[in-house]
Amino acid sequence: AGDVIPVDGEIIEGVASVNEAAITGESA
């Protein structure tokens, strides 16, 4: 939580809420 995902990748474990506003413009 709070970390920026540094590169493109595939989640292999876990579930998280991700803010993609930087890409899509969506705030939710």
mmCIF file of all heavy atoms, coordinates in Angstrom:
data_MODEL
# 
_entry.id   MODEL 
# 
loop_
_atom_site.group_PDB 
_atom_site.id 
_atom_site.type_symbol 
_atom_site.label_atom_id 
_atom_site.label_alt_id 
_atom_site.label_comp_id 
_atom_site.label_asym_id 
_atom_site.label_entity_id 
_atom_site.label_seq_id 
_atom_site.pdbx_PDB_ins_code 
_atom_site.Cartn_x 
_atom_site.Cartn_y 
_atom_site.Cartn_z 
_atom_site.occupancy 
_atom_site.B_iso_or_equiv 
_atom_site.pdbx_formal_charge 
_atom_site.auth_seq_id 
_atom_site.auth_comp_id 
_atom_site.auth_asym_id 
_atom_site.auth_atom_id 
_atom_site.pdbx_PDB_model_num 
ATOM 1   N N   . ALA A 1 1  ? 0.838   -1.204  0.000   1.00 0.00 ? 1  ALA A N   1 
ATOM 2   C CA  . ALA A 1 1  ? 0.000   0.000   0.000   1.00 0.00 ? 1  ALA A CA  1 
ATOM 3   C C   . ALA A 1 1  ? 0.873   1.254   0.000   1.00 0.00 ? 1  ALA A C   1 
ATOM 4   O O   . ALA A 1 1  ? 1.804   1.377   0.795   1.00 0.00 ? 1  ALA A O   1 
ATOM 5   C CB  . ALA A 1 1  ? -0.923  -0.005  1.212   1.00 0.00 ? 1  ALA A CB  1 
ATOM 6   N N   . GLY A 1 2  ? 0.580   2.166   -0.905  1.00 0.00 ? 2  GLY A N   1 
ATOM 7   C CA  . GLY A 1 2  ? 1.336   3.408   -1.016  1.00 0.00 ? 2  GLY A CA  1 
ATOM 8   C C   . GLY A 1 2  ? 2.479   3.351   -2.004  1.00 0.00 ? 2  GLY A C   1 
ATOM 9   O O   . GLY A 1 2  ? 3.038   4.389   -2.379  1.00 0.00 ? 2  GLY A O   1 
ATOM 10  N N   . ASP A 1 3  ? 2.846   2.136   -2.451  1.00 0.00 ? 3  ASP A N   1 
ATOM 11  C CA  . ASP A 1 3  ? 3.964   1.986   -3.396  1.00 0.00 ? 3  ASP A CA  1 
ATOM 12  C C   . ASP A 1 3  ? 3.492   2.222   -4.832  1.00 0.00 ? 3  ASP A C   1 
ATOM 13  O O   . ASP A 1 3  ? 2.365   1.867   -5.199  1.00 0.00 ? 3  ASP A O   1 
ATOM 14  C CB  . ASP A 1 3  ? 4.569   0.578   -3.308  1.00 0.00 ? 3  ASP A CB  1 
ATOM 15  C CG  . ASP A 1 3  ? 5.283   0.336   -1.997  1.00 0.00 ? 3  ASP A CG  1 
ATOM 16  O OD1 . ASP A 1 3  ? 5.514   1.319   -1.264  1.00 0.00 ? 3  ASP A OD1 1 
ATOM 17  O OD2 . ASP A 1 3  ? 5.601   -0.834  -1.710  1.00 0.00 ? 3  ASP A OD2 1 
ATOM 18  N N   . VAL A 1 4  ? 4.380   2.783   -5.635  1.00 0.00 ? 4  VAL A N   1 
ATOM 19  C CA  . VAL A 1 4  ? 4.141   2.899   -7.068  1.00 0.00 ? 4  VAL A CA  1 
ATOM 20  C C   . VAL A 1 4  ? 4.612   1.610   -7.737  1.00 0.00 ? 4  VAL A C   1 
ATOM 21  O O   . VAL A 1 4  ? 5.716   1.132   -7.458  1.00 0.00 ? 4  VAL A O   1 
ATOM 22  C CB  . VAL A 1 4  ? 4.894   4.105   -7.662  1.00 0.00 ? 4  VAL A CB  1 
ATOM 23  C CG1 . VAL A 1 4  ? 4.789   4.113   -9.190  1.00 0.00 ? 4  VAL A CG1 1 
ATOM 24  C CG2 . VAL A 1 4  ? 4.357   5.404   -7.090  1.00 0.00 ? 4  VAL A CG2 1 
ATOM 25  N N   . ILE A 1 5  ? 3.777   1.030   -8.581  1.00 0.00 ? 5  ILE A N   1 
ATOM 26  C CA  . ILE A 1 5  ? 4.183   -0.158  -9.328  1.00 0.00 ? 5  ILE A CA  1 
ATOM 27  C C   . ILE A 1 5  ? 5.218   0.291   -10.354 1.00 0.00 ? 5  ILE A C   1 
ATOM 28  O O   . ILE A 1 5  ? 4.907   1.091   -11.239 1.00 0.00 ? 5  ILE A O   1 
ATOM 29  C CB  . ILE A 1 5  ? 2.979   -0.817  -10.015 1.00 0.00 ? 5  ILE A CB  1 
ATOM 30  C CG1 . ILE A 1 5  ? 1.960   -1.257  -8.948  1.00 0.00 ? 5  ILE A CG1 1 
ATOM 31  C CG2 . ILE A 1 5  ? 3.411   -2.012  -10.858 1.00 0.00 ? 5  ILE A CG2 1 
ATOM 32  C CD1 . ILE A 1 5  ? 0.659   -1.785  -9.513  1.00 0.00 ? 5  ILE A CD1 1 
ATOM 33  N N   . PRO A 1 6  ? 6.460   -0.166  -10.247 1.00 0.00 ? 6  PRO A N   1 
ATOM 34  C CA  . PRO A 1 6  ? 7.536   0.411   -11.061 1.00 0.00 ? 6  PRO A CA  1 
ATOM 35  C C   . PRO A 1 6  ? 7.534   -0.007  -12.526 1.00 0.00 ? 6  PRO A C   1 
ATOM 36  O O   . PRO A 1 6  ? 8.015   0.726   -13.378 1.00 0.00 ? 6  PRO A O   1 
ATOM 37  C CB  . PRO A 1 6  ? 8.797   -0.073  -10.354 1.00 0.00 ? 6  PRO A CB  1 
ATOM 38  C CG  . PRO A 1 6  ? 8.397   -1.358  -9.704  1.00 0.00 ? 6  PRO A CG  1 
ATOM 39  C CD  . PRO A 1 6  ? 6.958   -1.189  -9.308  1.00 0.00 ? 6  PRO A CD  1 
ATOM 40  N N   . VAL A 1 7  ? 7.040   -1.211  -12.829 1.00 0.00 ? 7  VAL A N   1 
ATOM 41  C CA  . VAL A 1 7  ? 7.086   -1.717  -14.203 1.00 0.00 ? 7  VAL A CA  1 
ATOM 42  C C   . VAL A 1 7  ? 5.807   -2.494  -14.490 1.00 0.00 ? 7  VAL A C   1 
ATOM 43  O O   . VAL A 1 7  ? 5.041   -2.816  -13.586 1.00 0.00 ? 7  VAL A O   1 
ATOM 44  C CB  . VAL A 1 7  ? 8.302   -2.653  -14.426 1.00 0.00 ? 7  VAL A CB  1 
ATOM 45  C CG1 . VAL A 1 7  ? 9.606   -1.896  -14.363 1.00 0.00 ? 7  VAL A CG1 1 
ATOM 46  C CG2 . VAL A 1 7  ? 8.283   -3.802  -13.410 1.00 0.00 ? 7  VAL A CG2 1 
ATOM 47  N N   . ASP A 1 8  ? 5.587   -2.812  -15.748 1.00 0.00 ? 8  ASP A N   1 
ATOM 48  C CA  . ASP A 1 8  ? 4.466   -3.683  -16.100 1.00 0.00 ? 8  ASP A CA  1 
ATOM 49  C C   . ASP A 1 8  ? 4.727   -5.080  -15.551 1.00 0.00 ? 8  ASP A C   1 
ATOM 50  O O   . ASP A 1 8  ? 5.865   -5.554  -15.547 1.00 0.00 ? 8  ASP A O   1 
ATOM 51  C CB  . ASP A 1 8  ? 4.306   -3.783  -17.623 1.00 0.00 ? 8  ASP A CB  1 
ATOM 52  C CG  . ASP A 1 8  ? 3.893   -2.463  -18.249 1.00 0.00 ? 8  ASP A CG  1 
ATOM 53  O OD1 . ASP A 1 8  ? 3.615   -1.518  -17.490 1.00 0.00 ? 8  ASP A OD1 1 
ATOM 54  O OD2 . ASP A 1 8  ? 3.860   -2.381  -19.484 1.00 0.00 ? 8  ASP A OD2 1 
ATOM 55  N N   . GLY A 1 9  ? 3.676   -5.735  -15.120 1.00 0.00 ? 9  GLY A N   1 
ATOM 56  C CA  . GLY A 1 9  ? 3.864   -7.081  -14.590 1.00 0.00 ? 9  GLY A CA  1 
ATOM 57  C C   . GLY A 1 9  ? 2.567   -7.841  -14.461 1.00 0.00 ? 9  GLY A C   1 
ATOM 58  O O   . GLY A 1 9  ? 1.489   -7.347  -14.802 1.00 0.00 ? 9  GLY A O   1 
ATOM 59  N N   . GLU A 1 10 ? 2.692   -9.055  -13.948 1.00 0.00 ? 10 GLU A N   1 
ATOM 60  C CA  . GLU A 1 10 ? 1.558   -9.958  -13.757 1.00 0.00 ? 10 GLU A CA  1 
ATOM 61  C C   . GLU A 1 10 ? 1.524   -10.343 -12.287 1.00 0.00 ? 10 GLU A C   1 
ATOM 62  O O   . GLU A 1 10 ? 2.538   -10.769 -11.716 1.00 0.00 ? 10 GLU A O   1 
ATOM 63  C CB  . GLU A 1 10 ? 1.737   -11.200 -14.626 1.00 0.00 ? 10 GLU A CB  1 
ATOM 64  C CG  . GLU A 1 10 ? 0.453   -11.927 -14.945 1.00 0.00 ? 10 GLU A CG  1 
ATOM 65  C CD  . GLU A 1 10 ? -0.325  -11.263 -16.065 1.00 0.00 ? 10 GLU A CD  1 
ATOM 66  O OE1 . GLU A 1 10 ? 0.263   -10.509 -16.860 1.00 0.00 ? 10 GLU A OE1 1 
ATOM 67  O OE2 . GLU A 1 10 ? -1.535  -11.522 -16.138 1.00 0.00 ? 10 GLU A OE2 1 
ATOM 68  N N   . ILE A 1 11 ? 0.364   -10.166 -11.651 1.00 0.00 ? 11 ILE A N   1 
ATOM 69  C CA  . ILE A 1 11 ? 0.237   -10.517 -10.235 1.00 0.00 ? 11 ILE A CA  1 
ATOM 70  C C   . ILE A 1 11 ? 0.245   -12.037 -10.091 1.00 0.00 ? 11 ILE A C   1 
ATOM 71  O O   . ILE A 1 11 ? -0.527  -12.739 -10.747 1.00 0.00 ? 11 ILE A O   1 
ATOM 72  C CB  . ILE A 1 11 ? -1.064  -9.948  -9.647  1.00 0.00 ? 11 ILE A CB  1 
ATOM 73  C CG1 . ILE A 1 11 ? -1.083  -8.421  -9.761  1.00 0.00 ? 11 ILE A CG1 1 
ATOM 74  C CG2 . ILE A 1 11 ? -1.220  -10.363 -8.191  1.00 0.00 ? 11 ILE A CG2 1 
ATOM 75  C CD1 . ILE A 1 11 ? -2.386  -7.795  -9.305  1.00 0.00 ? 11 ILE A CD1 1 
ATOM 76  N N   . ILE A 1 12 ? 1.146   -12.535 -9.244  1.00 0.00 ? 12 ILE A N   1 
ATOM 77  C CA  . ILE A 1 12 ? 1.205   -13.978 -9.020  1.00 0.00 ? 12 ILE A CA  1 
ATOM 78  C C   . ILE A 1 12 ? 0.672   -14.355 -7.640  1.00 0.00 ? 12 ILE A C   1 
ATOM 79  O O   . ILE A 1 12 ? 0.398   -15.525 -7.373  1.00 0.00 ? 12 ILE A O   1 
ATOM 80  C CB  . ILE A 1 12 ? 2.651   -14.498 -9.167  1.00 0.00 ? 12 ILE A CB  1 
ATOM 81  C CG1 . ILE A 1 12 ? 3.576   -13.836 -8.136  1.00 0.00 ? 12 ILE A CG1 1 
ATOM 82  C CG2 . ILE A 1 12 ? 3.160   -14.283 -10.579 1.00 0.00 ? 12 ILE A CG2 1 
ATOM 83  C CD1 . ILE A 1 12 ? 4.959   -14.456 -8.085  1.00 0.00 ? 12 ILE A CD1 1 
ATOM 84  N N   . GLU A 1 13 ? 0.497   -13.355 -6.781  1.00 0.00 ? 13 GLU A N   1 
ATOM 85  C CA  . GLU A 1 13 ? -0.037  -13.623 -5.448  1.00 0.00 ? 13 GLU A CA  1 
ATOM 86  C C   . GLU A 1 13 ? -0.606  -12.329 -4.873  1.00 0.00 ? 13 GLU A C   1 
ATOM 87  O O   . GLU A 1 13 ? -0.045  -11.244 -5.047  1.00 0.00 ? 13 GLU A O   1 
ATOM 88  C CB  . GLU A 1 13 ? 1.059   -14.165 -4.526  1.00 0.00 ? 13 GLU A CB  1 
ATOM 89  C CG  . GLU A 1 13 ? 0.552   -14.571 -3.149  1.00 0.00 ? 13 GLU A CG  1 
ATOM 90  C CD  . GLU A 1 13 ? 1.655   -15.112 -2.245  1.00 0.00 ? 13 GLU A CD  1 
ATOM 91  O OE1 . GLU A 1 13 ? 2.734   -15.476 -2.778  1.00 0.00 ? 13 GLU A OE1 1 
ATOM 92  O OE2 . GLU A 1 13 ? 1.441   -15.156 -1.019  1.00 0.00 ? 13 GLU A OE2 1 
ATOM 93  N N   . GLY A 1 14 ? -1.756  -12.475 -4.197  1.00 0.00 ? 14 GLY A N   1 
ATOM 94  C CA  . GLY A 1 14 ? -2.328  -11.330 -3.509  1.00 0.00 ? 14 GLY A CA  1 
ATOM 95  C C   . GLY A 1 14 ? -3.418  -10.634 -4.306  1.00 0.00 ? 14 GLY A C   1 
ATOM 96  O O   . GLY A 1 14 ? -3.654  -10.910 -5.482  1.00 0.00 ? 14 GLY A O   1 
ATOM 97  N N   . VAL A 1 15 ? -4.100  -9.724  -3.616  1.00 0.00 ? 15 VAL A N   1 
ATOM 98  C CA  . VAL A 1 15 ? -5.132  -8.898  -4.218  1.00 0.00 ? 15 VAL A CA  1 
ATOM 99  C C   . VAL A 1 15 ? -4.986  -7.496  -3.635  1.00 0.00 ? 15 VAL A C   1 
ATOM 100 O O   . VAL A 1 15 ? -4.694  -7.337  -2.446  1.00 0.00 ? 15 VAL A O   1 
ATOM 101 C CB  . VAL A 1 15 ? -6.547  -9.475  -3.949  1.00 0.00 ? 15 VAL A CB  1 
ATOM 102 C CG1 . VAL A 1 15 ? -6.793  -9.640  -2.455  1.00 0.00 ? 15 VAL A CG1 1 
ATOM 103 C CG2 . VAL A 1 15 ? -7.623  -8.594  -4.565  1.00 0.00 ? 15 VAL A CG2 1 
ATOM 104 N N   . ALA A 1 16 ? -5.148  -6.487  -4.462  1.00 0.00 ? 16 ALA A N   1 
ATOM 105 C CA  . ALA A 1 16 ? -4.947  -5.116  -3.988  1.00 0.00 ? 16 ALA A CA  1 
ATOM 106 C C   . ALA A 1 16 ? -5.828  -4.156  -4.769  1.00 0.00 ? 16 ALA A C   1 
ATOM 107 O O   . ALA A 1 16 ? -6.271  -4.433  -5.887  1.00 0.00 ? 16 ALA A O   1 
ATOM 108 C CB  . ALA A 1 16 ? -3.481  -4.712  -4.130  1.00 0.00 ? 16 ALA A CB  1 
ATOM 109 N N   . SER A 1 17 ? -6.087  -3.034  -4.147  1.00 0.00 ? 17 SER A N   1 
ATOM 110 C CA  . SER A 1 17 ? -6.791  -1.936  -4.803  1.00 0.00 ? 17 SER A CA  1 
ATOM 111 C C   . SER A 1 17 ? -5.736  -1.030  -5.431  1.00 0.00 ? 17 SER A C   1 
ATOM 112 O O   . SER A 1 17 ? -4.796  -0.599  -4.760  1.00 0.00 ? 17 SER A O   1 
ATOM 113 C CB  . SER A 1 17 ? -7.624  -1.168  -3.771  1.00 0.00 ? 17 SER A CB  1 
ATOM 114 O OG  . SER A 1 17 ? -8.264  -0.072  -4.363  1.00 0.00 ? 17 SER A OG  1 
ATOM 115 N N   . VAL A 1 18 ? -5.877  -0.768  -6.736  1.00 0.00 ? 18 VAL A N   1 
ATOM 116 C CA  . VAL A 1 18 ? -4.852  -0.026  -7.472  1.00 0.00 ? 18 VAL A CA  1 
ATOM 117 C C   . VAL A 1 18 ? -5.446  1.243   -8.073  1.00 0.00 ? 18 VAL A C   1 
ATOM 118 O O   . VAL A 1 18 ? -6.501  1.205   -8.720  1.00 0.00 ? 18 VAL A O   1 
ATOM 119 C CB  . VAL A 1 18 ? -4.246  -0.892  -8.596  1.00 0.00 ? 18 VAL A CB  1 
ATOM 120 C CG1 . VAL A 1 18 ? -3.188  -0.114  -9.370  1.00 0.00 ? 18 VAL A CG1 1 
ATOM 121 C CG2 . VAL A 1 18 ? -3.644  -2.172  -8.010  1.00 0.00 ? 18 VAL A CG2 1 
ATOM 122 N N   . ASN A 1 19 ? -4.780  2.351   -7.841  1.00 0.00 ? 19 ASN A N   1 
ATOM 123 C CA  . ASN A 1 19 ? -5.182  3.626   -8.432  1.00 0.00 ? 19 ASN A CA  1 
ATOM 124 C C   . ASN A 1 19 ? -4.516  3.754   -9.802  1.00 0.00 ? 19 ASN A C   1 
ATOM 125 O O   . ASN A 1 19 ? -3.300  3.899   -9.892  1.00 0.00 ? 19 ASN A O   1 
ATOM 126 C CB  . ASN A 1 19 ? -4.769  4.782   -7.519  1.00 0.00 ? 19 ASN A CB  1 
ATOM 127 C CG  . ASN A 1 19 ? -5.240  6.123   -8.039  1.00 0.00 ? 19 ASN A CG  1 
ATOM 128 O OD1 . ASN A 1 19 ? -5.675  6.244   -9.178  1.00 0.00 ? 19 ASN A OD1 1 
ATOM 129 N ND2 . ASN A 1 19 ? -5.172  7.140   -7.200  1.00 0.00 ? 19 ASN A ND2 1 
ATOM 130 N N   . GLU A 1 20 ? -5.309  3.712   -10.872 1.00 0.00 ? 20 GLU A N   1 
ATOM 131 C CA  . GLU A 1 20 ? -4.782  3.777   -12.239 1.00 0.00 ? 20 GLU A CA  1 
ATOM 132 C C   . GLU A 1 20 ? -5.046  5.128   -12.891 1.00 0.00 ? 20 GLU A C   1 
ATOM 133 O O   . GLU A 1 20 ? -5.057  5.257   -14.112 1.00 0.00 ? 20 GLU A O   1 
ATOM 134 C CB  . GLU A 1 20 ? -5.389  2.651   -13.082 1.00 0.00 ? 20 GLU A CB  1 
ATOM 135 C CG  . GLU A 1 20 ? -5.016  1.266   -12.580 1.00 0.00 ? 20 GLU A CG  1 
ATOM 136 C CD  . GLU A 1 20 ? -5.533  0.158   -13.475 1.00 0.00 ? 20 GLU A CD  1 
ATOM 137 O OE1 . GLU A 1 20 ? -6.466  0.425   -14.251 1.00 0.00 ? 20 GLU A OE1 1 
ATOM 138 O OE2 . GLU A 1 20 ? -4.988  -0.962  -13.406 1.00 0.00 ? 20 GLU A OE2 1 
ATOM 139 N N   . ALA A 1 21 ? -5.261  6.155   -12.062 1.00 0.00 ? 21 ALA A N   1 
ATOM 140 C CA  . ALA A 1 21 ? -5.576  7.477   -12.605 1.00 0.00 ? 21 ALA A CA  1 
ATOM 141 C C   . ALA A 1 21 ? -4.471  7.998   -13.512 1.00 0.00 ? 21 ALA A C   1 
ATOM 142 O O   . ALA A 1 21 ? -4.726  8.749   -14.450 1.00 0.00 ? 21 ALA A O   1 
ATOM 143 C CB  . ALA A 1 21 ? -5.827  8.463   -11.462 1.00 0.00 ? 21 ALA A CB  1 
ATOM 144 N N   . ALA A 1 22 ? -3.226  7.603   -13.236 1.00 0.00 ? 22 ALA A N   1 
ATOM 145 C CA  . ALA A 1 22 ? -2.115  8.070   -14.072 1.00 0.00 ? 22 ALA A CA  1 
ATOM 146 C C   . ALA A 1 22 ? -2.248  7.588   -15.505 1.00 0.00 ? 22 ALA A C   1 
ATOM 147 O O   . ALA A 1 22 ? -1.736  8.211   -16.434 1.00 0.00 ? 22 ALA A O   1 
ATOM 148 C CB  . ALA A 1 22 ? -0.784  7.580   -13.487 1.00 0.00 ? 22 ALA A CB  1 
ATOM 149 N N   . ILE A 1 23 ? -2.963  6.470   -15.698 1.00 0.00 ? 23 ILE A N   1 
ATOM 150 C CA  . ILE A 1 23 ? -3.106  5.896   -17.032 1.00 0.00 ? 23 ILE A CA  1 
ATOM 151 C C   . ILE A 1 23 ? -4.479  6.197   -17.616 1.00 0.00 ? 23 ILE A C   1 
ATOM 152 O O   . ILE A 1 23 ? -4.604  6.634   -18.755 1.00 0.00 ? 23 ILE A O   1 
ATOM 153 C CB  . ILE A 1 23 ? -2.903  4.361   -16.987 1.00 0.00 ? 23 ILE A CB  1 
ATOM 154 C CG1 . ILE A 1 23 ? -1.554  4.034   -16.345 1.00 0.00 ? 23 ILE A CG1 1 
ATOM 155 C CG2 . ILE A 1 23 ? -3.000  3.773   -18.374 1.00 0.00 ? 23 ILE A CG2 1 
ATOM 156 C CD1 . ILE A 1 23 ? -0.366  4.582   -17.094 1.00 0.00 ? 23 ILE A CD1 1 
ATOM 157 N N   . THR A 1 24 ? -5.530  5.962   -16.828 1.00 0.00 ? 24 THR A N   1 
ATOM 158 C CA  . THR A 1 24 ? -6.892  6.062   -17.357 1.00 0.00 ? 24 THR A CA  1 
ATOM 159 C C   . THR A 1 24 ? -7.579  7.371   -17.044 1.00 0.00 ? 24 THR A C   1 
ATOM 160 O O   . THR A 1 24 ? -8.593  7.697   -17.656 1.00 0.00 ? 24 THR A O   1 
ATOM 161 C CB  . THR A 1 24 ? -7.770  4.936   -16.779 1.00 0.00 ? 24 THR A CB  1 
ATOM 162 O OG1 . THR A 1 24 ? -7.900  5.141   -15.365 1.00 0.00 ? 24 THR A OG1 1 
ATOM 163 C CG2 . THR A 1 24 ? -7.152  3.584   -17.030 1.00 0.00 ? 24 THR A CG2 1 
ATOM 164 N N   . GLY A 1 25 ? -7.071  8.135   -16.070 1.00 0.00 ? 25 GLY A N   1 
ATOM 165 C CA  . GLY A 1 25 ? -7.764  9.342   -15.659 1.00 0.00 ? 25 GLY A CA  1 
ATOM 166 C C   . GLY A 1 25 ? -8.844  9.056   -14.627 1.00 0.00 ? 25 GLY A C   1 
ATOM 167 O O   . GLY A 1 25 ? -9.480  9.967   -14.102 1.00 0.00 ? 25 GLY A O   1 
ATOM 168 N N   . GLU A 1 26 ? -9.105  7.783   -14.306 1.00 0.00 ? 26 GLU A N   1 
ATOM 169 C CA  . GLU A 1 26 ? -10.130 7.422   -13.341 1.00 0.00 ? 26 GLU A CA  1 
ATOM 170 C C   . GLU A 1 26 ? -9.603  7.608   -11.924 1.00 0.00 ? 26 GLU A C   1 
ATOM 171 O O   . GLU A 1 26 ? -8.507  7.162   -11.592 1.00 0.00 ? 26 GLU A O   1 
ATOM 172 C CB  . GLU A 1 26 ? -10.557 5.964   -13.543 1.00 0.00 ? 26 GLU A CB  1 
ATOM 173 C CG  . GLU A 1 26 ? -11.311 5.713   -14.829 1.00 0.00 ? 26 GLU A CG  1 
ATOM 174 C CD  . GLU A 1 26 ? -12.711 6.284   -14.796 1.00 0.00 ? 26 GLU A CD  1 
ATOM 175 O OE1 . GLU A 1 26 ? -13.142 6.739   -13.726 1.00 0.00 ? 26 GLU A OE1 1 
ATOM 176 O OE2 . GLU A 1 26 ? -13.363 6.295   -15.846 1.00 0.00 ? 26 GLU A OE2 1 
ATOM 177 N N   . SER A 1 27 ? -10.407 8.256   -11.079 1.00 0.00 ? 27 SER A N   1 
ATOM 178 C CA  . SER A 1 27 ? -9.982  8.470   -9.699  1.00 0.00 ? 27 SER A CA  1 
ATOM 179 C C   . SER A 1 27 ? -10.323 7.289   -8.806  1.00 0.00 ? 27 SER A C   1 
ATOM 180 O O   . SER A 1 27 ? -9.706  7.086   -7.764  1.00 0.00 ? 27 SER A O   1 
ATOM 181 C CB  . SER A 1 27 ? -10.651 9.740   -9.142  1.00 0.00 ? 27 SER A CB  1 
ATOM 182 O OG  . SER A 1 27 ? -12.060 9.638   -9.253  1.00 0.00 ? 27 SER A OG  1 
ATOM 183 N N   . ALA A 1 28 ? -11.337 6.496   -9.175  1.00 0.00 ? 28 ALA A N   1 
ATOM 184 C CA  . ALA A 1 28 ? -11.738 5.361   -8.360  1.00 0.00 ? 28 ALA A CA  1 
ATOM 185 C C   . ALA A 1 28 ? -10.770 4.200   -8.555  1.00 0.00 ? 28 ALA A C   1 
ATOM 186 O O   . ALA A 1 28 ? -10.543 3.767   -9.689  1.00 0.00 ? 28 ALA A O   1 
ATOM 187 C CB  . ALA A 1 28 ? -13.149 4.923   -8.724  1.00 0.00 ? 28 ALA A CB  1 
# 
